[in-house]
Amino acid sequence: MTTYIAQFVARHRLIQIEQNSIFTWRQEGGEIDESLLVEKIKRESSLFFYQLVAGKNYEISWEDISITVWKTQPFLG
């Protein structure tokens, strides 16, 4: 298993705050499937970020979140 790191930005369709962050994950070596990575970032990071920003009275749908991955590389730290 290799640990990877990605730099990304998440944008919500209505909430005017961007999530500029990094994400680490482990996978078997080989090509990074960016579409799977985007879904993983939404599920494990951005959905919770926007739920925190919006508060309890606003339901966040993951379909309203778009992810742009800027850079990925193996994480040796």
N, C-alpha and C. Protein backbone atom coordinates (compact mmCIF):
# COMPACT_ATOMS: atom_id res chain seq x y z
N MET A 1 0.84 -1.19 0.00
CA MET A 1 0.00 0.00 0.00
C MET A 1 0.88 1.24 0.00
N THR A 2 0.44 2.22 -0.78
CA THR A 2 1.14 3.48 -0.87
C THR A 2 0.23 4.58 -0.35
N THR A 3 0.79 5.52 0.40
CA THR A 3 0.04 6.69 0.85
C THR A 3 0.24 7.80 -0.17
N TYR A 4 -0.86 8.44 -0.55
CA TYR A 4 -0.84 9.54 -1.50
C TYR A 4 -1.40 10.79 -0.84
N ILE A 5 -1.05 11.93 -1.41
CA ILE A 5 -1.59 13.21 -0.94
C ILE A 5 -2.11 13.98 -2.16
N ALA A 6 -3.23 14.67 -1.98
CA ALA A 6 -3.82 15.46 -3.07
C ALA A 6 -4.13 16.86 -2.56
N GLN A 7 -3.87 17.84 -3.40
CA GLN A 7 -4.28 19.21 -3.13
C GLN A 7 -5.56 19.43 -3.92
N PHE A 8 -6.60 19.98 -3.27
CA PHE A 8 -7.88 20.15 -3.96
C PHE A 8 -8.60 21.40 -3.48
N VAL A 9 -9.60 21.79 -4.25
CA VAL A 9 -10.53 22.83 -3.85
C VAL A 9 -11.94 22.28 -4.07
N ALA A 10 -12.80 22.52 -3.09
CA ALA A 10 -14.21 22.12 -3.18
C ALA A 10 -15.07 23.37 -3.22
N ARG A 11 -16.11 23.33 -4.04
CA ARG A 11 -17.05 24.44 -4.15
C ARG A 11 -18.47 23.89 -4.03
N HIS A 12 -19.28 24.62 -3.28
CA HIS A 12 -20.69 24.26 -3.13
C HIS A 12 -21.51 25.14 -4.06
N ARG A 13 -22.58 24.61 -4.56
CA ARG A 13 -23.43 25.32 -5.52
C ARG A 13 -24.02 26.60 -4.93
N LEU A 14 -24.36 26.62 -3.63
CA LEU A 14 -24.99 27.79 -3.01
C LEU A 14 -24.11 28.50 -1.98
N ILE A 15 -23.36 27.74 -1.22
CA ILE A 15 -22.53 28.33 -0.15
C ILE A 15 -21.28 28.94 -0.79
N GLN A 16 -21.03 30.18 -0.50
CA GLN A 16 -19.96 30.93 -1.17
C GLN A 16 -18.62 30.84 -0.44
N ILE A 17 -18.33 29.71 0.14
CA ILE A 17 -17.04 29.46 0.80
C ILE A 17 -16.40 28.27 0.12
N GLU A 18 -15.13 28.40 -0.24
CA GLU A 18 -14.39 27.30 -0.85
C GLU A 18 -13.58 26.56 0.21
N GLN A 19 -13.47 25.28 0.04
CA GLN A 19 -12.61 24.46 0.88
C GLN A 19 -11.32 24.20 0.10
N ASN A 20 -10.25 24.89 0.47
CA ASN A 20 -8.94 24.65 -0.11
C ASN A 20 -8.18 23.79 0.87
N SER A 21 -7.85 22.57 0.49
CA SER A 21 -7.32 21.64 1.47
C SER A 21 -6.46 20.57 0.81
N ILE A 22 -6.00 19.66 1.65
CA ILE A 22 -5.28 18.48 1.18
C ILE A 22 -6.02 17.25 1.69
N PHE A 23 -5.76 16.12 1.04
CA PHE A 23 -6.42 14.87 1.39
C PHE A 23 -5.41 13.76 1.23
N THR A 24 -5.32 12.89 2.21
CA THR A 24 -4.42 11.74 2.10
C THR A 24 -5.24 10.47 2.09
N TRP A 25 -4.75 9.46 1.37
CA TRP A 25 -5.41 8.17 1.30
C TRP A 25 -4.38 7.11 0.95
N ARG A 26 -4.75 5.88 1.16
CA ARG A 26 -3.88 4.74 0.83
C ARG A 26 -4.52 3.91 -0.26
N GLN A 27 -3.69 3.44 -1.15
CA GLN A 27 -4.17 2.53 -2.19
C GLN A 27 -3.00 1.69 -2.67
N GLU A 28 -3.34 0.62 -3.33
CA GLU A 28 -2.31 -0.17 -3.98
C GLU A 28 -1.64 0.70 -5.03
N GLY A 29 -0.39 0.45 -5.31
CA GLY A 29 0.32 1.25 -6.30
C GLY A 29 -0.38 1.24 -7.65
N GLY A 30 0.01 2.11 -8.51
CA GLY A 30 -0.58 2.18 -9.84
C GLY A 30 -1.20 3.52 -10.10
N GLU A 31 -1.98 3.57 -11.17
CA GLU A 31 -2.62 4.81 -11.59
C GLU A 31 -3.66 5.26 -10.56
N ILE A 32 -3.75 6.58 -10.38
CA ILE A 32 -4.78 7.17 -9.52
C ILE A 32 -6.00 7.42 -10.38
N ASP A 33 -7.13 6.85 -9.99
CA ASP A 33 -8.39 7.08 -10.69
C ASP A 33 -8.99 8.36 -10.11
N GLU A 34 -8.90 9.46 -10.87
CA GLU A 34 -9.31 10.76 -10.34
C GLU A 34 -10.80 10.82 -10.03
N SER A 35 -11.64 10.15 -10.80
CA SER A 35 -13.08 10.18 -10.51
C SER A 35 -13.38 9.47 -9.19
N LEU A 36 -12.70 8.38 -8.90
CA LEU A 36 -12.86 7.73 -7.59
C LEU A 36 -12.32 8.60 -6.47
N LEU A 37 -11.21 9.28 -6.73
CA LEU A 37 -10.62 10.18 -5.73
C LEU A 37 -11.58 11.33 -5.42
N VAL A 38 -12.19 11.91 -6.42
CA VAL A 38 -13.14 13.01 -6.22
C VAL A 38 -14.31 12.55 -5.35
N GLU A 39 -14.85 11.38 -5.62
CA GLU A 39 -15.96 10.86 -4.81
C GLU A 39 -15.51 10.59 -3.37
N LYS A 40 -14.30 10.10 -3.20
CA LYS A 40 -13.76 9.83 -1.86
C LYS A 40 -13.58 11.14 -1.08
N ILE A 41 -13.07 12.18 -1.73
CA ILE A 41 -12.91 13.48 -1.08
C ILE A 41 -14.27 14.04 -0.67
N LYS A 42 -15.26 13.94 -1.55
CA LYS A 42 -16.61 14.42 -1.22
C LYS A 42 -17.16 13.72 0.01
N ARG A 43 -17.09 12.37 -0.01
CA ARG A 43 -17.65 11.54 1.07
C ARG A 43 -16.95 11.73 2.40
N GLU A 44 -15.61 11.82 2.37
CA GLU A 44 -14.83 11.77 3.60
C GLU A 44 -14.35 13.13 4.10
N SER A 45 -14.53 14.19 3.31
CA SER A 45 -14.03 15.50 3.73
C SER A 45 -15.04 16.62 3.46
N SER A 46 -15.33 16.87 2.21
CA SER A 46 -16.09 18.07 1.84
C SER A 46 -17.52 18.07 2.35
N LEU A 47 -18.17 16.93 2.35
CA LEU A 47 -19.53 16.86 2.87
C LEU A 47 -19.56 17.33 4.33
N PHE A 48 -18.61 16.89 5.14
CA PHE A 48 -18.55 17.28 6.54
C PHE A 48 -18.17 18.75 6.70
N PHE A 49 -17.27 19.22 5.84
CA PHE A 49 -16.88 20.63 5.86
C PHE A 49 -18.10 21.52 5.64
N TYR A 50 -18.87 21.24 4.60
CA TYR A 50 -20.03 22.09 4.30
C TYR A 50 -21.17 21.91 5.31
N GLN A 51 -21.29 20.73 5.90
CA GLN A 51 -22.27 20.56 6.97
C GLN A 51 -21.90 21.43 8.17
N LEU A 52 -20.62 21.50 8.48
CA LEU A 52 -20.15 22.34 9.58
C LEU A 52 -20.41 23.82 9.29
N VAL A 53 -20.10 24.25 8.07
CA VAL A 53 -20.30 25.65 7.68
C VAL A 53 -21.79 26.01 7.69
N ALA A 54 -22.63 25.14 7.17
CA ALA A 54 -24.05 25.45 7.00
C ALA A 54 -24.85 25.38 8.29
N GLY A 55 -24.41 24.57 9.22
CA GLY A 55 -25.16 24.40 10.45
C GLY A 55 -26.22 23.32 10.33
N LYS A 56 -26.94 23.11 11.41
CA LYS A 56 -27.88 22.00 11.48
C LYS A 56 -29.18 22.23 10.72
N ASN A 57 -29.49 23.46 10.38
CA ASN A 57 -30.79 23.75 9.75
C ASN A 57 -30.75 23.68 8.22
N TYR A 58 -29.62 23.34 7.64
CA TYR A 58 -29.52 23.28 6.19
C TYR A 58 -28.92 21.94 5.78
N GLU A 59 -29.66 21.19 4.98
CA GLU A 59 -29.19 19.87 4.55
C GLU A 59 -28.24 20.03 3.35
N ILE A 60 -27.07 19.40 3.45
CA ILE A 60 -26.07 19.45 2.39
C ILE A 60 -26.18 18.18 1.56
N SER A 61 -26.27 18.36 0.26
CA SER A 61 -26.29 17.23 -0.66
C SER A 61 -24.93 17.15 -1.35
N TRP A 62 -24.37 15.96 -1.44
CA TRP A 62 -23.05 15.84 -2.06
C TRP A 62 -23.09 16.15 -3.54
N GLU A 63 -24.28 16.09 -4.16
CA GLU A 63 -24.39 16.44 -5.58
C GLU A 63 -24.15 17.93 -5.82
N ASP A 64 -24.30 18.76 -4.79
CA ASP A 64 -24.09 20.20 -4.90
C ASP A 64 -22.64 20.62 -4.72
N ILE A 65 -21.77 19.65 -4.51
CA ILE A 65 -20.35 19.94 -4.27
C ILE A 65 -19.55 19.52 -5.50
N SER A 66 -18.69 20.42 -5.95
CA SER A 66 -17.77 20.07 -7.04
C SER A 66 -16.35 20.12 -6.51
N ILE A 67 -15.53 19.21 -6.98
CA ILE A 67 -14.14 19.08 -6.53
C ILE A 67 -13.22 19.28 -7.73
N THR A 68 -12.18 20.07 -7.53
CA THR A 68 -11.10 20.18 -8.50
C THR A 68 -9.82 19.72 -7.81
N VAL A 69 -9.22 18.67 -8.34
CA VAL A 69 -7.95 18.17 -7.79
C VAL A 69 -6.82 18.86 -8.56
N TRP A 70 -5.98 19.58 -7.83
CA TRP A 70 -4.89 20.32 -8.46
C TRP A 70 -3.65 19.46 -8.66
N LYS A 71 -3.34 18.65 -7.65
CA LYS A 71 -2.08 17.91 -7.71
C LYS A 71 -2.18 16.66 -6.84
N THR A 72 -1.58 15.56 -7.28
CA THR A 72 -1.46 14.36 -6.46
C THR A 72 -0.04 13.84 -6.55
N GLN A 73 0.40 13.20 -5.47
CA GLN A 73 1.73 12.58 -5.47
C GLN A 73 1.83 11.63 -4.30
N PRO A 74 2.78 10.69 -4.35
CA PRO A 74 3.02 9.83 -3.21
C PRO A 74 3.44 10.69 -2.01
N PHE A 75 2.98 10.31 -0.84
CA PHE A 75 3.28 11.05 0.39
C PHE A 75 4.33 10.28 1.16
N LEU A 76 5.48 10.89 1.32
CA LEU A 76 6.61 10.22 1.97
C LEU A 76 6.83 10.74 3.39
N GLY A 77 5.99 11.63 3.86
CA GLY A 77 6.17 12.26 5.18
C GLY A 77 5.58 11.47 6.22
